[in-house]
């Protein structure tokens, strides 16, 4: 069995986890349309997020290939909110073409308004996220904010102003912030995320909605205190661990 993943970071994460279990997997970005001849060698085409497979759908239908799509977050909100008829039609065609639809959370399945599909998170790689002792100075707070509205930028800025002695690192925000105790980290390669966690003592995550809640559990595995929408997180669900979920996912793929 050979799988072609279409997607970006999350596609690479899942492909690497399956490779660890002996599955032959390749990854291409969503912008690339594969050659029909190269596509023939794959048993399954696996799209990570809805828009990833829209360019490849005609080839999948033409070659009669098995495919599945994994809805991971913002794509579900875009699908539910879009009023562009052509775009919606392409997305529906992709969904109808896929043999299997997976969702990382129950909420995303409800947003998509479909009874079809299973809830399968993209799990944490427990080989790289694990607790390590830190020997540095007092560590600050890590906050994730790629979208100022969804991830409540105003909340963390208010927090930073109230706690001027606390160092706050904001990950994913595209602009600098003029507060002396706030540092902006625009992006971080996934394989370097454990090191980023180890530099902080606490992760705070405040959201209006959270389609892909993996970061709190990664941080927890690395030994941080975790606050998520004013709740303390102390336990990692079994389905967020690679060794619990990947065998289930392999079974789903094999059944295709």
Protein backbone atom coordinates (compact mmCIF):
# COMPACT_ATOMS: atom_id res chain seq x y z
CA UNK A 1 0.00 0.00 0.00
CA UNK A 2 1.33 3.43 -0.97
CA UNK A 3 -0.31 6.71 0.07
CA UNK A 4 0.01 10.20 -1.43
CA UNK A 5 -0.68 13.01 1.05
CA UNK A 6 -1.75 16.37 -0.36
CA UNK A 7 -1.28 19.21 2.12
CA UNK A 8 1.30 21.20 4.09
CA UNK A 9 2.55 20.78 7.68
CA UNK A 10 -0.21 18.50 8.94
CA UNK A 11 0.19 16.27 5.87
CA UNK A 12 3.90 15.89 6.68
CA UNK A 13 3.14 15.16 10.34
CA UNK A 14 0.67 12.41 9.51
CA UNK A 15 2.83 10.94 6.73
CA UNK A 16 5.80 10.69 9.12
CA UNK A 17 3.66 8.98 11.75
CA UNK A 18 2.40 6.42 9.23
CA UNK A 19 5.94 5.88 7.92
CA UNK A 20 6.98 4.99 11.48
CA UNK A 21 4.40 2.19 11.31
CA UNK A 22 5.82 0.93 8.01
CA UNK A 23 3.37 2.60 5.61
CA UNK A 24 4.84 3.92 2.35
CA UNK A 25 3.79 7.60 2.16
CA UNK A 26 4.74 10.63 0.05
CA UNK A 27 3.68 14.28 0.43
CA UNK A 28 3.02 17.00 -2.15
CA UNK A 29 1.78 20.59 -1.58
CA UNK A 30 -1.84 21.47 -2.54
CA UNK A 31 -0.61 23.84 -5.26
CA UNK A 32 1.01 20.99 -7.21
CA UNK A 33 -1.08 18.89 -9.62
CA UNK A 34 0.49 15.43 -9.82
CA UNK A 35 1.33 13.76 -13.10
CA UNK A 36 -1.37 11.15 -13.97
CA UNK A 37 1.32 8.50 -14.51
CA UNK A 38 2.87 9.14 -11.08
CA UNK A 39 -0.56 9.05 -9.48
CA UNK A 40 -1.17 5.50 -10.71
CA UNK A 41 1.33 4.02 -8.23
CA UNK A 42 -0.63 5.19 -5.16
CA UNK A 43 -3.34 3.11 -3.51
CA UNK A 44 -4.92 6.07 -1.69
CA UNK A 45 -4.88 9.87 -2.16
CA UNK A 46 -5.17 11.55 1.25
CA UNK A 47 -6.04 15.26 1.44
CA UNK A 48 -5.30 17.16 4.64
CA UNK A 49 -7.97 19.89 4.78
CA UNK A 50 -10.79 20.29 2.29
CA UNK A 51 -9.22 22.67 -0.23
CA UNK A 52 -6.14 20.46 -0.66
CA UNK A 53 -7.82 18.03 -3.06
CA UNK A 54 -9.82 20.43 -5.26
CA UNK A 55 -7.09 20.54 -7.93
CA UNK A 56 -6.50 16.80 -7.81
CA UNK A 57 -10.18 15.69 -7.78
CA UNK A 58 -10.53 15.41 -11.61
CA UNK A 59 -7.49 13.09 -11.77
CA UNK A 60 -8.80 11.02 -8.86
CA UNK A 61 -12.09 10.52 -10.70
CA UNK A 62 -10.41 9.83 -14.03
CA UNK A 63 -8.08 7.18 -12.57
CA UNK A 64 -10.77 5.79 -10.25
CA UNK A 65 -8.48 6.13 -7.23
CA UNK A 66 -9.51 5.73 -3.60
CA UNK A 67 -9.33 9.01 -1.66
CA UNK A 68 -10.11 10.51 1.69
CA UNK A 69 -10.20 14.00 3.13
CA UNK A 70 -9.33 15.12 6.66
CA UNK A 71 -11.17 18.24 7.85
CA UNK A 72 -8.89 19.99 10.34
CA UNK A 73 -10.40 23.36 11.25
CA UNK A 74 -10.56 26.61 9.31
CA UNK A 75 -11.60 24.77 6.13
CA UNK A 76 -14.86 23.72 7.81
CA UNK A 77 -15.64 27.32 8.77
CA UNK A 78 -14.87 28.53 5.24
CA UNK A 79 -17.10 25.83 3.76
CA UNK A 80 -19.98 26.75 6.06
CA UNK A 81 -19.69 30.50 5.49
CA UNK A 82 -18.81 30.82 1.78
CA UNK A 83 -21.48 32.23 -0.55
CA UNK A 84 -19.43 31.80 -3.72
CA UNK A 85 -21.42 29.23 -5.70
CA UNK A 86 -18.54 28.03 -7.94
CA UNK A 87 -16.16 27.54 -5.01
CA UNK A 88 -18.87 25.75 -3.00
CA UNK A 89 -19.64 23.51 -5.97
CA UNK A 90 -15.95 22.51 -6.29
CA UNK A 91 -15.73 21.73 -2.58
CA UNK A 92 -18.92 19.64 -2.72
CA UNK A 93 -17.55 17.74 -5.72
CA UNK A 94 -14.38 16.98 -3.72
CA UNK A 95 -16.42 15.76 -0.74
CA UNK A 96 -18.66 13.61 -2.95
CA UNK A 97 -15.64 12.10 -4.75
CA UNK A 98 -13.88 11.05 -1.54
CA UNK A 99 -14.46 7.53 -0.27
CA UNK A 100 -14.01 8.65 3.33
CA UNK A 101 -14.32 11.91 5.27
CA UNK A 102 -12.56 12.35 8.61
CA UNK A 103 -12.88 15.20 11.13
CA UNK A 104 -10.47 16.10 13.91
CA UNK A 105 -13.37 17.06 16.24
CA UNK A 106 -17.10 16.44 16.59
CA UNK A 107 -17.73 20.22 16.34
CA UNK A 108 -16.28 20.35 12.82
CA UNK A 109 -18.56 17.55 11.70
CA UNK A 110 -21.52 19.54 13.01
CA UNK A 111 -20.33 22.69 11.22
CA UNK A 112 -20.12 20.78 7.93
CA UNK A 113 -23.70 19.57 8.56
CA UNK A 114 -23.08 16.00 7.45
CA UNK A 115 -23.70 12.59 8.98
CA UNK A 116 -20.97 11.07 6.84
CA UNK A 117 -17.51 10.55 8.30
CA UNK A 118 -15.56 9.63 11.44
CA UNK A 119 -13.86 11.63 14.19
CA UNK A 120 -10.11 10.99 13.97
CA UNK A 121 -7.68 13.62 15.35
CA UNK A 122 -4.23 14.09 13.88
CA UNK A 123 -2.35 12.87 16.95
CA UNK A 124 0.72 14.18 18.72
CA UNK A 125 4.00 12.51 17.90
CA UNK A 126 5.06 11.27 21.32
CA UNK A 127 8.55 10.59 20.00
CA UNK A 128 9.35 14.31 19.82
CA UNK A 129 6.96 15.84 22.38
CA UNK A 130 8.02 14.69 25.84
CA UNK A 131 8.99 16.26 29.13
CA UNK A 132 12.58 17.44 29.56
CA UNK A 133 14.24 19.27 32.42
CA UNK A 134 14.94 22.95 31.76
CA UNK A 135 17.99 24.57 33.33
CA UNK A 136 17.43 28.19 32.27
CA UNK A 137 16.03 31.25 34.02
CA UNK A 138 12.40 31.85 34.93
CA UNK A 139 10.39 31.14 31.81
CA UNK A 140 7.53 33.17 30.37
CA UNK A 141 4.15 32.55 28.78
CA UNK A 142 3.52 31.21 25.26
CA UNK A 143 0.39 32.36 23.42
CA UNK A 144 -0.80 31.22 19.95
CA UNK A 145 -2.42 33.86 17.73
CA UNK A 146 -2.41 33.33 13.92
CA UNK A 147 -5.81 35.07 13.66
CA UNK A 148 -6.35 38.10 15.98
CA UNK A 149 -10.14 37.65 16.10
CA UNK A 150 -10.40 33.88 16.60
CA UNK A 151 -7.43 33.74 18.99
CA UNK A 152 -8.38 36.89 20.91
CA UNK A 153 -5.33 39.10 20.55
CA UNK A 154 -6.96 41.81 22.70
CA UNK A 155 -7.14 39.36 25.63
CA UNK A 156 -3.42 38.54 25.72
CA UNK A 157 -2.43 42.20 25.19
CA UNK A 158 -4.62 43.12 28.15
CA UNK A 159 -2.95 40.37 30.17
CA UNK A 160 0.54 41.60 29.22
CA UNK A 161 -0.33 45.16 30.30
CA UNK A 162 -1.64 43.95 33.66
CA UNK A 163 1.47 41.78 34.24
CA UNK A 164 4.44 43.93 33.08
CA UNK A 165 6.97 41.65 34.82
CA UNK A 166 5.70 38.60 32.90
CA UNK A 167 7.35 37.83 29.53
CA UNK A 168 4.82 36.88 26.84
CA UNK A 169 5.72 35.22 23.51
CA UNK A 170 3.01 35.40 20.83
CA UNK A 171 3.35 32.73 18.16
CA UNK A 172 1.90 33.16 14.67
CA UNK A 173 1.01 36.87 14.75
CA UNK A 174 2.24 38.64 11.57
CA UNK A 175 3.04 42.04 13.15
CA UNK A 176 5.27 43.34 15.90
CA UNK A 177 3.64 44.58 19.11
CA UNK A 178 4.93 47.62 20.98
CA UNK A 179 4.89 46.32 24.50
CA UNK A 180 8.24 45.86 26.31
CA UNK A 181 7.31 42.45 27.74
CA UNK A 182 5.83 41.00 24.50
CA UNK A 183 7.83 39.15 21.87
CA UNK A 184 6.31 38.08 18.52
CA UNK A 185 7.43 34.81 16.91
CA UNK A 186 5.92 34.85 13.41
CA UNK A 187 6.42 31.17 12.64
CA UNK A 188 8.20 28.07 13.92
CA UNK A 189 8.99 24.84 12.02
CA UNK A 190 7.05 21.97 13.53
CA UNK A 191 10.13 19.92 14.41
CA UNK A 192 11.40 22.90 16.48
CA UNK A 193 8.18 23.27 18.49
CA UNK A 194 9.41 21.12 21.43
CA UNK A 195 12.34 23.50 21.92
CA UNK A 196 9.93 26.45 21.89
CA UNK A 197 7.76 24.81 24.55
CA UNK A 198 10.81 24.12 26.76
CA UNK A 199 11.60 27.86 26.72
CA UNK A 200 8.27 28.64 28.44
CA UNK A 201 6.62 27.59 31.67
CA UNK A 202 3.00 28.08 30.62
CA UNK A 203 0.80 27.93 27.52
CA UNK A 204 -2.34 30.08 27.40
CA UNK A 205 -4.85 29.57 24.60
CA UNK A 206 -7.95 31.78 24.36
CA UNK A 207 -10.26 31.26 21.37
CA UNK A 208 -13.76 32.00 20.14
CA UNK A 209 -13.67 28.55 18.50
CA UNK A 210 -10.86 26.04 18.15
CA UNK A 211 -11.05 23.60 15.27
CA UNK A 212 -7.75 21.83 15.79
CA UNK A 213 -6.84 21.70 19.49
CA UNK A 214 -3.47 19.91 19.39
CA UNK A 215 -1.13 22.51 20.89
CA UNK A 216 -2.44 22.29 24.51
CA UNK A 217 -1.61 18.58 24.63
CA UNK A 218 1.81 19.02 22.99
CA UNK A 219 2.66 21.63 25.63
CA UNK A 220 1.35 19.40 28.40
CA UNK A 221 3.59 16.54 27.20
CA UNK A 222 6.54 18.95 27.35
CA UNK A 223 5.81 19.77 31.00
CA UNK A 224 4.09 23.17 30.70
CA UNK A 225 1.12 24.43 32.67
CA UNK A 226 -1.76 24.77 30.21
CA UNK A 227 -4.75 27.15 30.39
CA UNK A 228 -7.30 26.83 27.60
CA UNK A 229 -10.29 29.21 27.56
CA UNK A 230 -9.91 29.80 31.32
CA UNK A 231 -9.72 26.08 32.10
CA UNK A 232 -6.66 24.25 33.41
CA UNK A 233 -5.74 21.23 31.23
CA UNK A 234 -4.07 18.40 33.10
CA UNK A 235 -4.93 15.27 31.10
CA UNK A 236 -4.24 14.18 27.52
CA UNK A 237 -7.05 12.24 25.78
CA UNK A 238 -5.88 8.82 24.56
CA UNK A 239 -6.94 9.64 20.98
CA UNK A 240 -4.40 12.49 20.88
CA UNK A 241 -1.52 10.03 21.31
CA UNK A 242 0.07 8.62 18.17
CA UNK A 243 0.27 5.04 19.38
CA UNK A 244 -3.48 4.98 20.13
CA UNK A 245 -4.82 6.61 16.96
CA UNK A 246 -2.48 5.70 14.09
CA UNK A 247 -3.36 1.97 14.16
CA UNK A 248 -7.06 2.94 13.88
CA UNK A 249 -6.28 5.24 10.96
CA UNK A 250 -4.28 2.50 9.21
CA UNK A 251 -7.28 0.18 9.57
CA UNK A 252 -9.58 2.82 7.97
CA UNK A 253 -7.16 3.25 5.05
CA UNK A 254 -6.74 -0.49 4.55
CA UNK A 255 -10.53 -0.93 4.45
CA UNK A 256 -10.72 1.39 1.46
